[in-house]
Amino acid sequence: MDDSRFSRNIGLISPTEQERLSQATVVIAGTGTDGGLLAERLVLVFVRCSLVDPDICVFINDF
């Protein structure tokens, strides 16, 4: 494992725990407020995330 990527986690997460997190994959259903925040936090500790959200983003300028 490249220790420089995980240097900000020293003291919070042990090297063994960091290794386990870096090998984990999490599926998050819904990327609204809670799902988006959860995804952001998990990515910051290098957990792979698969995001599932049925919403369609439409950009309309009706002003």
C-alpha atoms as a PDB file:
ATOM      1  CA  MET A   1       0.000   0.000   0.000  1.00  0.00           C
ATOM      2  CA  ASP A   2       1.245   3.504  -0.843  1.00  0.00           C
ATOM      3  CA  ASP A   3       1.505   5.130   2.609  1.00  0.00           C
ATOM      4  CA  SER A   4       1.617   8.703   1.265  1.00  0.00           C
ATOM      5  CA  ARG A   5      -2.020   8.452   0.094  1.00  0.00           C
ATOM      6  CA  PHE A   6      -3.161   7.526   3.588  1.00  0.00           C
ATOM      7  CA  SER A   7      -0.970   9.880   5.637  1.00  0.00           C
ATOM      8  CA  ARG A   8      -3.908  12.080   6.677  1.00  0.00           C
ATOM      9  CA  ASN A   9      -5.548   9.069   8.342  1.00  0.00           C
ATOM     10  CA  ILE A  10      -2.616   8.342  10.688  1.00  0.00           C
ATOM     11  CA  GLY A  11      -3.858   8.323  14.276  1.00  0.00           C
ATOM     12  CA  LEU A  12      -7.492   7.877  13.255  1.00  0.00           C
ATOM     13  CA  ILE A  13      -7.305   4.548  11.457  1.00  0.00           C
ATOM     14  CA  SER A  14      -4.683   1.864  12.026  1.00  0.00           C
ATOM     15  CA  PRO A  15      -2.694   0.600   9.003  1.00  0.00           C
ATOM     16  CA  THR A  16      -4.579  -2.713   9.205  1.00  0.00           C
ATOM     17  CA  GLU A  17      -7.951  -0.943   9.202  1.00  0.00           C
ATOM     18  CA  GLN A  18      -6.839   1.299   6.319  1.00  0.00           C
ATOM     19  CA  GLU A  19      -5.829  -1.770   4.307  1.00  0.00           C
ATOM     20  CA  ARG A  20      -9.275  -3.300   4.883  1.00  0.00           C
ATOM     21  CA  LEU A  21     -11.006  -0.049   3.888  1.00  0.00           C
ATOM     22  CA  SER A  22      -8.953   0.300   0.704  1.00  0.00           C
ATOM     23  CA  GLN A  23     -10.095  -3.187  -0.356  1.00  0.00           C
ATOM     24  CA  ALA A  24     -13.785  -2.570   0.433  1.00  0.00           C
ATOM     25  CA  THR A  25     -16.531  -1.733  -2.043  1.00  0.00           C
ATOM     26  CA  VAL A  26     -19.782  -0.072  -0.941  1.00  0.00           C
ATOM     27  CA  VAL A  27     -23.022   0.369  -2.885  1.00  0.00           C
ATOM     28  CA  ILE A  28     -24.952   3.544  -2.035  1.00  0.00           C
ATOM     29  CA  ALA A  29     -28.574   3.636  -3.205  1.00  0.00           C
ATOM     30  CA  GLY A  30     -29.664   7.248  -3.612  1.00  0.00           C
ATOM     31  CA  THR A  31     -27.272  10.154  -3.939  1.00  0.00           C
ATOM     32  CA  GLY A  32     -29.397  12.846  -2.348  1.00  0.00           C
ATOM     33  CA  THR A  33     -28.259  14.703   0.738  1.00  0.00           C
ATOM     34  CA  ASP A  34     -27.397  11.691   2.897  1.00  0.00           C
ATOM     35  CA  GLY A  35     -26.097   9.451   0.107  1.00  0.00           C
ATOM     36  CA  GLY A  36     -23.961  12.229  -1.360  1.00  0.00           C
ATOM     37  CA  LEU A  37     -22.378  13.060   1.985  1.00  0.00           C
ATOM     38  CA  LEU A  38     -21.753   9.385   2.726  1.00  0.00           C
ATOM     39  CA  ALA A  39     -20.128   8.864  -0.680  1.00  0.00           C
ATOM     40  CA  GLU A  40     -17.876  11.888  -0.142  1.00  0.00           C
ATOM     41  CA  ARG A  41     -16.710  10.649   3.264  1.00  0.00           C
ATOM     42  CA  LEU A  42     -16.041   7.125   2.021  1.00  0.00           C
ATOM     43  CA  VAL A  43     -14.069   8.343  -0.995  1.00  0.00           C
ATOM     44  CA  LEU A  44     -11.897  10.466   1.317  1.00  0.00           C
ATOM     45  CA  VAL A  45     -10.716   7.289   3.070  1.00  0.00           C
ATOM     46  CA  PHE A  46     -10.252   5.515  -0.295  1.00  0.00           C
ATOM     47  CA  VAL A  47     -13.269   3.182  -0.185  1.00  0.00           C
ATOM     48  CA  ARG A  48     -14.563   2.234  -3.636  1.00  0.00           C
ATOM     49  CA  CYS A  49     -18.192   3.309  -4.085  1.00  0.00           C
ATOM     50  CA  SER A  50     -20.858   2.312  -6.572  1.00  0.00           C
ATOM     51  CA  LEU A  51     -23.613   4.909  -6.711  1.00  0.00           C
ATOM     52  CA  VAL A  52     -27.166   3.996  -7.721  1.00  0.00           C
ATOM     53  CA  ASP A  53     -29.728   6.747  -8.247  1.00  0.00           C
ATOM     54  CA  PRO A  54     -32.731   6.613 -10.596  1.00  0.00           C
ATOM     55  CA  ASP A  55     -33.084  10.406 -10.893  1.00  0.00           C
ATOM     56  CA  ILE A  56     -32.486  12.084 -14.222  1.00  0.00           C
ATOM     57  CA  CYS A  57     -30.679  15.415 -14.219  1.00  0.00           C
ATOM     58  CA  VAL A  58     -32.254  17.920 -16.626  1.00  0.00           C
ATOM     59  CA  PHE A  59     -30.840  21.407 -17.126  1.00  0.00           C
ATOM     60  CA  ILE A  60     -33.549  23.876 -18.132  1.00  0.00           C
ATOM     61  CA  ASN A  61     -33.279  27.639 -18.119  1.00  0.00           C
ATOM     62  CA  ASP A  62     -36.865  28.965 -17.977  1.00  0.00           C
ATOM     63  CA  PHE A  63     -36.079  32.388 -16.545  1.00  0.00           C
END
